[in-house]
PDB file of N, CA and C in Angstrom:
ATOM      1  N   UNK A   1     115.668 115.793  82.849  1.00  0.00           N
ATOM      2  CA  UNK A   1     115.010 114.720  82.137  1.00  0.00           C
ATOM      3  C   UNK A   1     113.522 114.744  82.459  1.00  0.00           C
ATOM      4  N   UNK A   2     112.736 114.705  81.473  1.00  0.00           N
ATOM      5  CA  UNK A   2     111.282 114.744  81.654  1.00  0.00           C
ATOM      6  C   UNK A   2     110.781 113.351  81.998  1.00  0.00           C
ATOM      7  N   UNK A   3     109.932 113.256  82.995  1.00  0.00           N
ATOM      8  CA  UNK A   3     109.409 111.969  83.422  1.00  0.00           C
ATOM      9  C   UNK A   3     107.901 111.991  83.341  1.00  0.00           C
ATOM     10  N   UNK A   4     107.349 111.015  82.669  1.00  0.00           N
ATOM     11  CA  UNK A   4     105.904 110.911  82.577  1.00  0.00           C
ATOM     12  C   UNK A   4     105.517 109.452  82.537  1.00  0.00           C
ATOM     13  N   UNK A   5     104.697 109.063  83.460  1.00  0.00           N
ATOM     14  CA  UNK A   5     104.169 107.705  83.437  1.00  0.00           C
ATOM     15  C   UNK A   5     102.750 107.757  83.954  1.00  0.00           C
ATOM     16  N   UNK A   6     101.850 107.245  83.196  1.00  0.00           N
ATOM     17  CA  UNK A   6     100.447 107.258  83.558  1.00  0.00           C
ATOM     18  C   UNK A   6      99.961 105.823  83.578  1.00  0.00           C
ATOM     19  N   UNK A   7      99.236 105.468  84.587  1.00  0.00           N
ATOM     20  CA  UNK A   7      98.690 104.116  84.631  1.00  0.00           C
ATOM     21  C   UNK A   7      97.196 104.185  84.874  1.00  0.00           C
ATOM     22  N   UNK A   8      96.505 103.346  84.183  1.00  0.00           N
ATOM     23  CA  UNK A   8      95.070 103.234  84.351  1.00  0.00           C
ATOM     24  C   UNK A   8      94.770 101.783  84.660  1.00  0.00           C
ATOM     25  N   UNK A   9      94.149 101.534  85.796  1.00  0.00           N
ATOM     26  CA  UNK A   9      93.836 100.165  86.157  1.00  0.00           C
ATOM     27  C   UNK A   9      92.341 100.019  86.360  1.00  0.00           C
ATOM     28  N   UNK A  10      91.804  98.967  85.836  1.00  0.00           N
ATOM     29  CA  UNK A  10      90.396  98.660  86.033  1.00  0.00           C
ATOM     30  C   UNK A  10      90.343  97.305  86.722  1.00  0.00           C
ATOM     31  N   UNK A  11      89.627  97.208  87.839  1.00  0.00           N
ATOM     32  CA  UNK A  11      89.665  96.015  88.660  1.00  0.00           C
ATOM     33  C   UNK A  11      88.588  94.997  88.281  1.00  0.00           C
ATOM     34  N   UNK A  12      88.386  94.754  87.024  1.00  0.00           N
ATOM     35  CA  UNK A  12      87.511  93.708  86.497  1.00  0.00           C
ATOM     36  C   UNK A  12      87.473  93.880  84.989  1.00  0.00           C
ATOM     37  N   UNK A  13      86.628  93.129  84.326  1.00  0.00           N
ATOM     38  CA  UNK A  13      86.560  93.189  82.875  1.00  0.00           C
ATOM     39  C   UNK A  13      85.216  93.715  82.432  1.00  0.00           C
ATOM     40  N   UNK A  14      85.140  94.858  81.780  1.00  0.00           N
ATOM     41  CA  UNK A  14      83.844  95.348  81.301  1.00  0.00           C
ATOM     42  C   UNK A  14      83.388  94.580  80.065  1.00  0.00           C
ATOM     43  N   UNK A  15      82.104  94.567  79.819  1.00  0.00           N
ATOM     44  CA  UNK A  15      81.556  93.941  78.617  1.00  0.00           C
ATOM     45  C   UNK A  15      81.133  95.022  77.642  1.00  0.00           C
ATOM     46  N   UNK A  16      80.924  94.639  76.399  1.00  0.00           N
ATOM     47  CA  UNK A  16      80.449  95.595  75.409  1.00  0.00           C
ATOM     48  C   UNK A  16      79.037  96.073  75.728  1.00  0.00           C
ATOM     49  N   UNK A  17      78.240  95.238  76.382  1.00  0.00           N
ATOM     50  CA  UNK A  17      76.846  95.582  76.678  1.00  0.00           C
ATOM     51  C   UNK A  17      76.725  96.583  77.822  1.00  0.00           C
ATOM     52  N   UNK A  18      77.712  96.662  78.683  1.00  0.00           N
ATOM     53  CA  UNK A  18      77.645  97.557  79.844  1.00  0.00           C
ATOM     54  C   UNK A  18      78.907  98.413  79.901  1.00  0.00           C
ATOM     55  N   UNK A  19      78.923  99.546  79.200  1.00  0.00           N
ATOM     56  CA  UNK A  19      80.114 100.407  79.213  1.00  0.00           C
ATOM     57  C   UNK A  19      80.459 100.890  80.626  1.00  0.00           C
ATOM     58  N   UNK A  20      81.730 101.050  80.868  1.00  0.00           N
ATOM     59  CA  UNK A  20      82.194 101.584  82.149  1.00  0.00           C
ATOM     60  C   UNK A  20      82.194 103.100  82.044  1.00  0.00           C
ATOM     61  N   UNK A  21      81.444 103.744  82.910  1.00  0.00           N
ATOM     62  CA  UNK A  21      81.368 105.201  82.913  1.00  0.00           C
ATOM     63  C   UNK A  21      82.543 105.790  83.686  1.00  0.00           C
ATOM     64  N   UNK A  22      83.095 106.875  83.175  1.00  0.00           N
ATOM     65  CA  UNK A  22      84.101 107.628  83.901  1.00  0.00           C
ATOM     66  C   UNK A  22      83.350 108.648  84.750  1.00  0.00           C
ATOM     67  N   UNK A  23      83.073 108.254  85.995  1.00  0.00           N
ATOM     68  CA  UNK A  23      82.255 109.062  86.893  1.00  0.00           C
ATOM     69  C   UNK A  23      82.975 109.252  88.230  1.00  0.00           C
ATOM     70  N   UNK A  24      82.265 109.741  89.217  1.00  0.00           N
ATOM     71  CA  UNK A  24      82.854 110.028  90.529  1.00  0.00           C
ATOM     72  C   UNK A  24      83.235 108.770  91.305  1.00  0.00           C
ATOM     73  N   UNK A  25      82.914 107.586  90.796  1.00  0.00           N
ATOM     74  CA  UNK A  25      83.238 106.339  91.488  1.00  0.00           C
ATOM     75  C   UNK A  25      84.661 105.848  91.235  1.00  0.00           C
ATOM     76  N   UNK A  26      85.417 106.560  90.412  1.00  0.00           N
ATOM     77  CA  UNK A  26      86.815 106.207  90.178  1.00  0.00           C
ATOM     78  C   UNK A  26      87.651 106.716  91.348  1.00  0.00           C
ATOM     79  N   UNK A  27      88.693 105.986  91.681  1.00  0.00           N
ATOM     80  CA  UNK A  27      89.590 106.388  92.766  1.00  0.00           C
ATOM     81  C   UNK A  27      90.997 106.556  92.219  1.00  0.00           C
ATOM     82  N   UNK A  28      91.733 107.474  92.806  1.00  0.00           N
ATOM     83  CA  UNK A  28      93.109 107.728  92.387  1.00  0.00           C
ATOM     84  C   UNK A  28      94.075 107.193  93.437  1.00  0.00           C
ATOM     85  N   UNK A  29      95.151 106.608  92.962  1.00  0.00           N
ATOM     86  CA  UNK A  29      96.230 106.134  93.817  1.00  0.00           C
ATOM     87  C   UNK A  29      97.470 106.929  93.445  1.00  0.00           C
ATOM     88  N   UNK A  30      98.032 107.641  94.410  1.00  0.00           N
ATOM     89  CA  UNK A  30      99.210 108.465  94.142  1.00  0.00           C
ATOM     90  C   UNK A  30     100.437 107.850  94.799  1.00  0.00           C
ATOM     91  N   UNK A  31     101.597 108.335  94.392  1.00  0.00           N
ATOM     92  CA  UNK A  31     102.868 107.825  94.898  1.00  0.00           C
ATOM     93  C   UNK A  31     103.594 108.948  95.643  1.00  0.00           C
ATOM     94  N   UNK A  32     104.038 108.643  96.845  1.00  0.00           N
ATOM     95  CA  UNK A  32     104.732 109.631  97.662  1.00  0.00           C
ATOM     96  C   UNK A  32     105.952 110.174  96.921  1.00  0.00           C
ATOM     97  N   UNK A  33     106.095 111.483  96.891  1.00  0.00           N
ATOM     98  CA  UNK A  33     107.253 112.115  96.274  1.00  0.00           C
ATOM     99  C   UNK A  33     107.140 112.319  94.768  1.00  0.00           C
ATOM    100  N   UNK A  34     106.017 111.898  94.168  1.00  0.00           N
ATOM    101  CA  UNK A  34     105.809 112.068  92.726  1.00  0.00           C
ATOM    102  C   UNK A  34     104.514 112.853  92.528  1.00  0.00           C
ATOM    103  N   UNK A  35     104.566 113.872  91.691  1.00  0.00           N
ATOM    104  CA  UNK A  35     103.366 114.653  91.408  1.00  0.00           C
ATOM    105  C   UNK A  35     102.258 113.758  90.871  1.00  0.00           C
ATOM    106  N   UNK A  36     101.030 114.037  91.282  1.00  0.00           N
ATOM    107  CA  UNK A  36      99.876 113.248  90.830  1.00  0.00           C
ATOM    108  C   UNK A  36      99.442 113.687  89.438  1.00  0.00           C
ATOM    109  N   UNK A  37      99.075 112.737  88.632  1.00  0.00           N
ATOM    110  CA  UNK A  37      98.485 113.006  87.325  1.00  0.00           C
ATOM    111  C   UNK A  37      97.065 113.494  87.547  1.00  0.00           C
ATOM    112  N   UNK A  38      96.588 114.382  86.690  1.00  0.00           N
ATOM    113  CA  UNK A  38      95.219 114.894  86.801  1.00  0.00           C
ATOM    114  C   UNK A  38      94.309 114.131  85.853  1.00  0.00           C
ATOM    115  N   UNK A  39      93.162 113.682  86.384  1.00  0.00           N
ATOM    116  CA  UNK A  39      92.182 112.940  85.597  1.00  0.00           C
ATOM    117  C   UNK A  39      90.880 113.719  85.532  1.00  0.00           C
ATOM    118  N   UNK A  40      90.258 113.722  84.371  1.00  0.00           N
ATOM    119  CA  UNK A  40      88.941 114.324  84.187  1.00  0.00           C
ATOM    120  C   UNK A  40      87.964 113.231  83.809  1.00  0.00           C
ATOM    121  N   UNK A  41      87.003 112.972  84.672  1.00  0.00           N
ATOM    122  CA  UNK A  41      86.024 111.909  84.460  1.00  0.00           C
ATOM    123  C   UNK A  41      84.776 112.522  83.829  1.00  0.00           C
ATOM    124  N   UNK A  42      84.598 112.261  82.553  1.00  0.00           N
ATOM    125  CA  UNK A  42      83.536 112.932  81.790  1.00  0.00           C
ATOM    126  C   UNK A  42      82.605 111.929  81.115  1.00  0.00           C
ATOM    127  N   UNK A  43      81.964 111.072  81.908  1.00  0.00           N
ATOM    128  CA  UNK A  43      80.995 110.133  81.348  1.00  0.00           C
ATOM    129  C   UNK A  43      81.645 109.028  80.540  1.00  0.00           C
ATOM    130  N   UNK A  44      81.676 109.189  79.221  1.00  0.00           N
ATOM    131  CA  UNK A  44      82.288 108.162  78.371  1.00  0.00           C
ATOM    132  C   UNK A  44      83.719 108.518  77.977  1.00  0.00           C
ATOM    133  N   UNK A  45      84.279 109.564  78.589  1.00  0.00           N
ATOM    134  CA  UNK A  45      85.621 110.019  78.258  1.00  0.00           C
ATOM    135  C   UNK A  45      86.444 110.231  79.524  1.00  0.00           C
ATOM    136  N   UNK A  46      87.687 109.766  79.483  1.00  0.00           N
ATOM    137  CA  UNK A  46      88.645 110.039  80.549  1.00  0.00           C
ATOM    138  C   UNK A  46      89.721 110.934  79.958  1.00  0.00           C
ATOM    139  N   UNK A  47      89.912 112.105  80.538  1.00  0.00           N
ATOM    140  CA  UNK A  47      90.954 113.024  80.096  1.00  0.00           C
ATOM    141  C   UNK A  47      92.106 112.920  81.090  1.00  0.00           C
ATOM    142  N   UNK A  48      93.300 112.713  80.570  1.00  0.00           N
ATOM    143  CA  UNK A  48      94.482 112.563  81.418  1.00  0.00           C
ATOM    144  C   UNK A  48      95.451 113.691  81.106  1.00  0.00           C
ATOM    145  N   UNK A  49      95.830 114.466  82.128  1.00  0.00           N
ATOM    146  CA  UNK A  49      96.813 115.527  81.967  1.00  0.00           C
ATOM    147  C   UNK A  49      97.978 115.225  82.902  1.00  0.00           C
ATOM    148  N   UNK A  50      99.155 115.090  82.310  1.00  0.00           N
ATOM    149  CA  UNK A  50     100.322 114.740  83.115  1.00  0.00           C
ATOM    150  C   UNK A  50     101.540 115.509  82.640  1.00  0.00           C
ATOM    151  N   UNK A  51     102.318 115.963  83.602  1.00  0.00           N
ATOM    152  CA  UNK A  51     103.590 116.604  83.310  1.00  0.00           C
ATOM    153  C   UNK A  51     104.491 116.320  84.507  1.00  0.00           C
ATOM    154  N   UNK A  52     105.489 115.494  84.290  1.00  0.00           N
ATOM    155  CA  UNK A  52     106.380 115.126  85.379  1.00  0.00           C
ATOM    156  C   UNK A  52     105.586 114.522  86.541  1.00  0.00           C
ATOM    157  N   UNK A  53     104.661 113.607  86.210  1.00  0.00           N
ATOM    158  CA  UNK A  53     103.775 113.045  87.226  1.00  0.00           C
ATOM    159  C   UNK A  53     103.510 111.571  86.971  1.00  0.00           C
ATOM    160  N   UNK A  54     102.932 110.922  87.986  1.00  0.00           N
ATOM    161  CA  UNK A  54     102.527 109.524  87.862  1.00  0.00           C
ATOM    162  C   UNK A  54     101.483 109.227  88.920  1.00  0.00           C
ATOM    163  N   UNK A  55     100.476 108.486  88.560  1.00  0.00           N
ATOM    164  CA  UNK A  55      99.478 107.985  89.492  1.00  0.00           C
ATOM    165  C   UNK A  55      98.624 106.962  88.758  1.00  0.00           C
ATOM    166  N   UNK A  56      97.712 106.346  89.497  1.00  0.00           N
ATOM    167  CA  UNK A  56      96.829 105.321  88.948  1.00  0.00           C
ATOM    168  C   UNK A  56      95.398 105.744  89.233  1.00  0.00           C
ATOM    169  N   UNK A  57      94.514 105.518  88.275  1.00  0.00           N
ATOM    170  CA  UNK A  57      93.092 105.685  88.532  1.00  0.00           C
ATOM    171  C   UNK A  57      92.436 104.333  88.299  1.00  0.00           C
ATOM    172  N   UNK A  58      91.486 103.981  89.150  1.00  0.00           N
ATOM    173  CA  UNK A  58      90.891 102.654  89.050  1.00  0.00           C
ATOM    174  C   UNK A  58      89.439 102.662  89.524  1.00  0.00           C
ATOM    175  N   UNK A  59      88.725 101.623  89.108  1.00  0.00           N
ATOM    176  CA  UNK A  59      87.327 101.465  89.485  1.00  0.00           C
ATOM    177  C   UNK A  59      87.016  99.980  89.556  1.00  0.00           C
ATOM    178  N   UNK A  60      86.447  99.551  90.671  1.00  0.00           N
ATOM    179  CA  UNK A  60      85.962  98.179  90.790  1.00  0.00           C
ATOM    180  C   UNK A  60      84.593  98.112  90.143  1.00  0.00           C
ATOM    181  N   UNK A  61      84.370  97.086  89.370  1.00  0.00           N
ATOM    182  CA  UNK A  61      83.081  96.940  88.707  1.00  0.00           C
ATOM    183  C   UNK A  61      82.123  96.141  89.582  1.00  0.00           C
ATOM    184  N   UNK A  62      80.823  96.307  89.369  1.00  0.00           N
ATOM    185  CA  UNK A  62      79.828  95.596  90.182  1.00  0.00           C
ATOM    186  C   UNK A  62      79.828  94.096  89.869  1.00  0.00           C
ATOM    187  N   UNK A  63      79.318  93.286  90.790  1.00  0.00           N
ATOM    188  CA  UNK A  63      79.264  91.834  90.583  1.00  0.00           C
ATOM    189  C   UNK A  63      78.565  91.418  89.283  1.00  0.00           C
ATOM    190  N   UNK A  64      77.658  92.223  88.789  1.00  0.00           N
ATOM    191  CA  UNK A  64      76.975  91.882  87.539  1.00  0.00           C
ATOM    192  C   UNK A  64      77.937  91.814  86.364  1.00  0.00           C
ATOM    193  N   UNK A  65      79.119  92.383  86.489  1.00  0.00           N
ATOM    194  CA  UNK A  65      80.107  92.389  85.409  1.00  0.00           C
ATOM    195  C   UNK A  65      81.206  91.342  85.597  1.00  0.00           C
ATOM    196  N   UNK A  66      81.161  90.562  86.662  1.00  0.00           N
ATOM    197  CA  UNK A  66      82.253  89.637  86.975  1.00  0.00           C
ATOM    198  C   UNK A  66      82.453  88.545  85.928  1.00  0.00           C
ATOM    199  N   UNK A  67      81.435  88.218  85.172  1.00  0.00           N
ATOM    200  CA  UNK A  67      81.580  87.173  84.158  1.00  0.00           C
ATOM    201  C   UNK A  67      81.980  87.727  82.797  1.00  0.00           C
ATOM    202  N   UNK A  68      82.216  88.992  82.702  1.00  0.00           N
ATOM    203  CA  UNK A  68      82.593  89.619  81.433  1.00  0.00           C
ATOM    204  C   UNK A  68      83.925  89.067  80.939  1.00  0.00           C
ATOM    205  N   UNK A  69      84.091  89.037  79.621  1.00  0.00           N
ATOM    206  CA  UNK A  69      85.302  88.457  79.045  1.00  0.00           C
ATOM    207  C   UNK A  69      85.955  89.333  77.993  1.00  0.00           C
ATOM    208  N   UNK A  70      85.380  90.496  77.678  1.00  0.00           N
ATOM    209  CA  UNK A  70      85.920  91.333  76.611  1.00  0.00           C
ATOM    210  C   UNK A  70      85.965  92.788  77.042  1.00  0.00           C
ATOM    211  N   UNK A  71      86.909  93.513  76.436  1.00  0.00           N
ATOM    212  CA  UNK A  71      87.025  94.946  76.677  1.00  0.00           C
ATOM    213  C   UNK A  71      87.402  95.630  75.363  1.00  0.00           C
ATOM    214  N   UNK A  72      86.969  96.853  75.208  1.00  0.00           N
ATOM    215  CA  UNK A  72      87.258  97.622  73.997  1.00  0.00           C
ATOM    216  C   UNK A  72      87.340  99.092  74.363  1.00  0.00           C
ATOM    217  N   UNK A  73      88.212  99.837  73.683  1.00  0.00           N
ATOM    218  CA  UNK A  73      88.301 101.280  73.913  1.00  0.00           C
ATOM    219  C   UNK A  73      88.926 101.952  72.708  1.00  0.00           C
ATOM    220  N   UNK A  74      88.729 103.244  72.625  1.00  0.00           N
ATOM    221  CA  UNK A  74      89.374 104.109  71.631  1.00  0.00           C
ATOM    222  C   UNK A  74      90.152 105.157  72.407  1.00  0.00           C
ATOM    223  N   UNK A  75      91.308 105.573  71.883  1.00  0.00           N
ATOM    224  CA  UNK A  75      92.075 106.610  72.567  1.00  0.00           C
ATOM    225  C   UNK A  75      92.881 107.409  71.566  1.00  0.00           C
ATOM    226  N   UNK A  76      93.238 108.602  71.983  1.00  0.00           N
ATOM    227  CA  UNK A  76      94.046 109.492  71.157  1.00  0.00           C
ATOM    228  C   UNK A  76      94.991 110.266  72.074  1.00  0.00           C
ATOM    229  N   UNK A  77      96.133 110.655  71.532  1.00  0.00           N
ATOM    230  CA  UNK A  77      97.125 111.433  72.278  1.00  0.00           C
ATOM    231  C   UNK A  77      97.241 112.789  71.613  1.00  0.00           C
ATOM    232  N   UNK A  78      97.030 113.862  72.374  1.00  0.00           N
ATOM    233  CA  UNK A  78      97.125 115.206  71.800  1.00  0.00           C
ATOM    234  C   UNK A  78      98.540 115.768  71.899  1.00  0.00           C
ATOM    235  N   UNK A  79      99.335 115.288  72.864  1.00  0.00           N
ATOM    236  CA  UNK A  79     100.707 115.739  73.037  1.00  0.00           C
ATOM    237  C   UNK A  79     101.497 114.586  73.627  1.00  0.00           C
ATOM    238  N   UNK A  80     102.466 114.068  72.887  1.00  0.00           N
ATOM    239  CA  UNK A  80     103.171 112.856  73.285  1.00  0.00           C
ATOM    240  C   UNK A  80     104.428 113.150  74.092  1.00  0.00           C
ATOM    241  N   UNK A  81     104.827 112.139  74.872  1.00  0.00           N
ATOM    242  CA  UNK A  81     106.108 112.212  75.568  1.00  0.00           C
ATOM    243  C   UNK A  81     107.214 111.970  74.544  1.00  0.00           C
ATOM    244  N   UNK A  82     108.429 112.445  74.821  1.00  0.00           N
ATOM    245  CA  UNK A  82     109.526 112.205  73.873  1.00  0.00           C
ATOM    246  C   UNK A  82     109.945 110.740  73.866  1.00  0.00           C
ATOM    247  N   UNK A  83     110.524 110.302  72.775  1.00  0.00           N
ATOM    248  CA  UNK A  83     111.042 108.943  72.663  1.00  0.00           C
ATOM    249  C   UNK A  83     112.171 108.783  73.669  1.00  0.00           C
ATOM    250  N   UNK A  84     112.196 107.636  74.371  1.00  0.00           N
ATOM    251  CA  UNK A  84     113.235 107.394  75.362  1.00  0.00           C
ATOM    252  C   UNK A  84     113.948 106.075  75.059  1.00  0.00           C
ATOM    253  N   UNK A  85     115.127 105.910  75.653  1.00  0.00           N
ATOM    254  CA  UNK A  85     115.902 104.691  75.522  1.00  0.00           C
ATOM    255  C   UNK A  85     115.415 103.721  76.598  1.00  0.00           C
ATOM    256  N   UNK A  86     114.646 102.704  76.196  1.00  0.00           N
ATOM    257  CA  UNK A  86     114.045 101.786  77.159  1.00  0.00           C
ATOM    258  C   UNK A  86     115.060 100.866  77.827  1.00  0.00           C
ATOM    259  N   UNK A  87     116.320 100.888  77.378  1.00  0.00           N
ATOM    260  CA  UNK A  87     117.344 100.071  78.023  1.00  0.00           C
ATOM    261  C   UNK A  87     117.938 100.768  79.245  1.00  0.00           C
ATOM    262  N   UNK A  88     117.614 102.055  79.437  1.00  0.00           N
ATOM    263  CA  UNK A  88     118.126 102.817  80.582  1.00  0.00           C
ATOM    264  C   UNK A  88     117.053 102.966  81.641  1.00  0.00           C
ATOM    265  N   UNK A  89     117.440 102.856  82.910  1.00  0.00           N
ATOM    266  CA  UNK A  89     116.500 103.052  84.013  1.00  0.00           C
ATOM    267  C   UNK A  89     115.895 104.447  83.912  1.00  0.00           C
ATOM    268  N   UNK A  90     114.584 104.526  84.118  1.00  0.00           N
ATOM    269  CA  UNK A  90     113.891 105.805  84.011  1.00  0.00           C
ATOM    270  C   UNK A  90     113.519 106.144  82.577  1.00  0.00           C
ATOM    271  N   UNK A  91     113.870 105.284  81.657  1.00  0.00           N
ATOM    272  CA  UNK A  91     113.577 105.547  80.255  1.00  0.00           C
ATOM    273  C   UNK A  91     112.315 104.860  79.777  1.00  0.00           C
ATOM    274  N   UNK A  92     111.433 104.500  80.704  1.00  0.00           N
ATOM    275  CA  UNK A  92     110.233 103.776  80.320  1.00  0.00           C
ATOM    276  C   UNK A  92     109.007 104.692  80.233  1.00  0.00           C
ATOM    277  N   UNK A  93     109.218 105.938  79.862  1.00  0.00           N
ATOM    278  CA  UNK A  93     108.108 106.884  79.745  1.00  0.00           C
ATOM    279  C   UNK A  93     107.156 106.447  78.642  1.00  0.00           C
ATOM    280  N   UNK A  94     105.884 106.691  78.864  1.00  0.00           N
ATOM    281  CA  UNK A  94     104.857 106.343  77.885  1.00  0.00           C
ATOM    282  C   UNK A  94     103.663 107.257  78.070  1.00  0.00           C
ATOM    283  N   UNK A  95     102.818 107.314  77.071  1.00  0.00           N
ATOM    284  CA  UNK A  95     101.635 108.171  77.153  1.00  0.00           C
ATOM    285  C   UNK A  95     100.606 107.635  78.139  1.00  0.00           C
ATOM    286  N   UNK A  96     100.324 106.353  78.070  1.00  0.00           N
ATOM    287  CA  UNK A  96      99.363 105.750  79.000  1.00  0.00           C
ATOM    288  C   UNK A  96      99.627 104.251  79.068  1.00  0.00           C
ATOM    289  N   UNK A  97      99.351 103.685  80.211  1.00  0.00           N
ATOM    290  CA  UNK A  97      99.417 102.249  80.398  1.00  0.00           C
ATOM    291  C   UNK A  97      98.068 101.806  80.936  1.00  0.00           C
ATOM    292  N   UNK A  98      97.535 100.758  80.378  1.00  0.00           N
ATOM    293  CA  UNK A  98      96.246 100.240  80.829  1.00  0.00           C
ATOM    294  C   UNK A  98      96.461  98.846  81.400  1.00  0.00           C
ATOM    295  N   UNK A  99      96.027  98.674  82.640  1.00  0.00           N
ATOM    296  CA  UNK A  99      96.129  97.383  83.314  1.00  0.00           C
ATOM    297  C   UNK A  99      94.716  96.893  83.633  1.00  0.00           C
ATOM    298  N   UNK A 100      94.539  95.597  83.596  1.00  0.00           N
ATOM    299  CA  UNK A 100      93.296  94.977  84.022  1.00  0.00           C
ATOM    300  C   UNK A 100      93.638  93.955  85.095  1.00  0.00           C
ATOM    301  N   UNK A 101      92.873  93.963  86.170  1.00  0.00           N
ATOM    302  CA  UNK A 101      93.086  93.003  87.232  1.00  0.00           C
ATOM    303  C   UNK A 101      91.897  92.055  87.255  1.00  0.00           C
ATOM    304  N   UNK A 102      92.183  90.781  87.171  1.00  0.00           N
ATOM    305  CA  UNK A 102      91.139  89.774  87.203  1.00  0.00           C
ATOM    306  C   UNK A 102      91.275  89.002  88.513  1.00  0.00           C
ATOM    307  N   UNK A 103      90.204  88.961  89.264  1.00  0.00           N
ATOM    308  CA  UNK A 103      90.202  88.247  90.535  1.00  0.00           C
ATOM    309  C   UNK A 103      89.249  87.062  90.436  1.00  0.00           C
ATOM    310  N   UNK A 104      89.525  86.022  91.214  1.00  0.00           N
ATOM    311  CA  UNK A 104      88.555  84.947  91.281  1.00  0.00           C
ATOM    312  C   UNK A 104      87.301  85.468  91.982  1.00  0.00           C
ATOM    313  N   UNK A 105      86.179  84.816  91.765  1.00  0.00           N
ATOM    314  CA  UNK A 105      84.900  85.293  92.293  1.00  0.00           C
ATOM    315  C   UNK A 105      84.939  85.478  93.819  1.00  0.00           C
ATOM    316  N   UNK A 106      85.574  84.562  94.550  1.00  0.00           N
ATOM    317  CA  UNK A 106      85.626  84.662  96.016  1.00  0.00           C
ATOM    318  C   UNK A 106      86.352  85.929  96.455  1.00  0.00           C
ATOM    319  N   UNK A 107      87.479  86.236  95.819  1.00  0.00           N
ATOM    320  CA  UNK A 107      88.251  87.440  96.180  1.00  0.00           C
ATOM    321  C   UNK A 107      87.531  88.714  95.776  1.00  0.00           C
ATOM    322  N   UNK A 108      86.775  88.664  94.678  1.00  0.00           N
ATOM    323  CA  UNK A 108      86.102  89.854  94.159  1.00  0.00           C
ATOM    324  C   UNK A 108      84.852  90.206  94.940  1.00  0.00           C
ATOM    325  N   UNK A 109      84.192  89.223  95.550  1.00  0.00           N
ATOM    326  CA  UNK A 109      82.925  89.480  96.282  1.00  0.00           C
ATOM    327  C   UNK A 109      83.136  90.178  97.568  1.00  0.00           C
TER     328      UNK A 109
END
């Protein structure tokens, strides 16, 4: 059974006025016993290559972005995972998952 799960987490909310760059400031979180997904940070583009892997890439934004309230992105899939039965354990494969974490100002500082 092919397993693919990719997660992308951003630890704040970017604004339209200040795009989040995919640069060397991103950090990867891997899971013991699971192959790491490969990320390519190319300025305004994030390339994700995964095969039987899972990991998270994330970036904390600077305090100047803490009051942001909107996010926008474009994405495309060049090779998709197969359709799975989501009622079965392990059947939650997807091309990408995007998470946003919002912290109160005290926790974020």
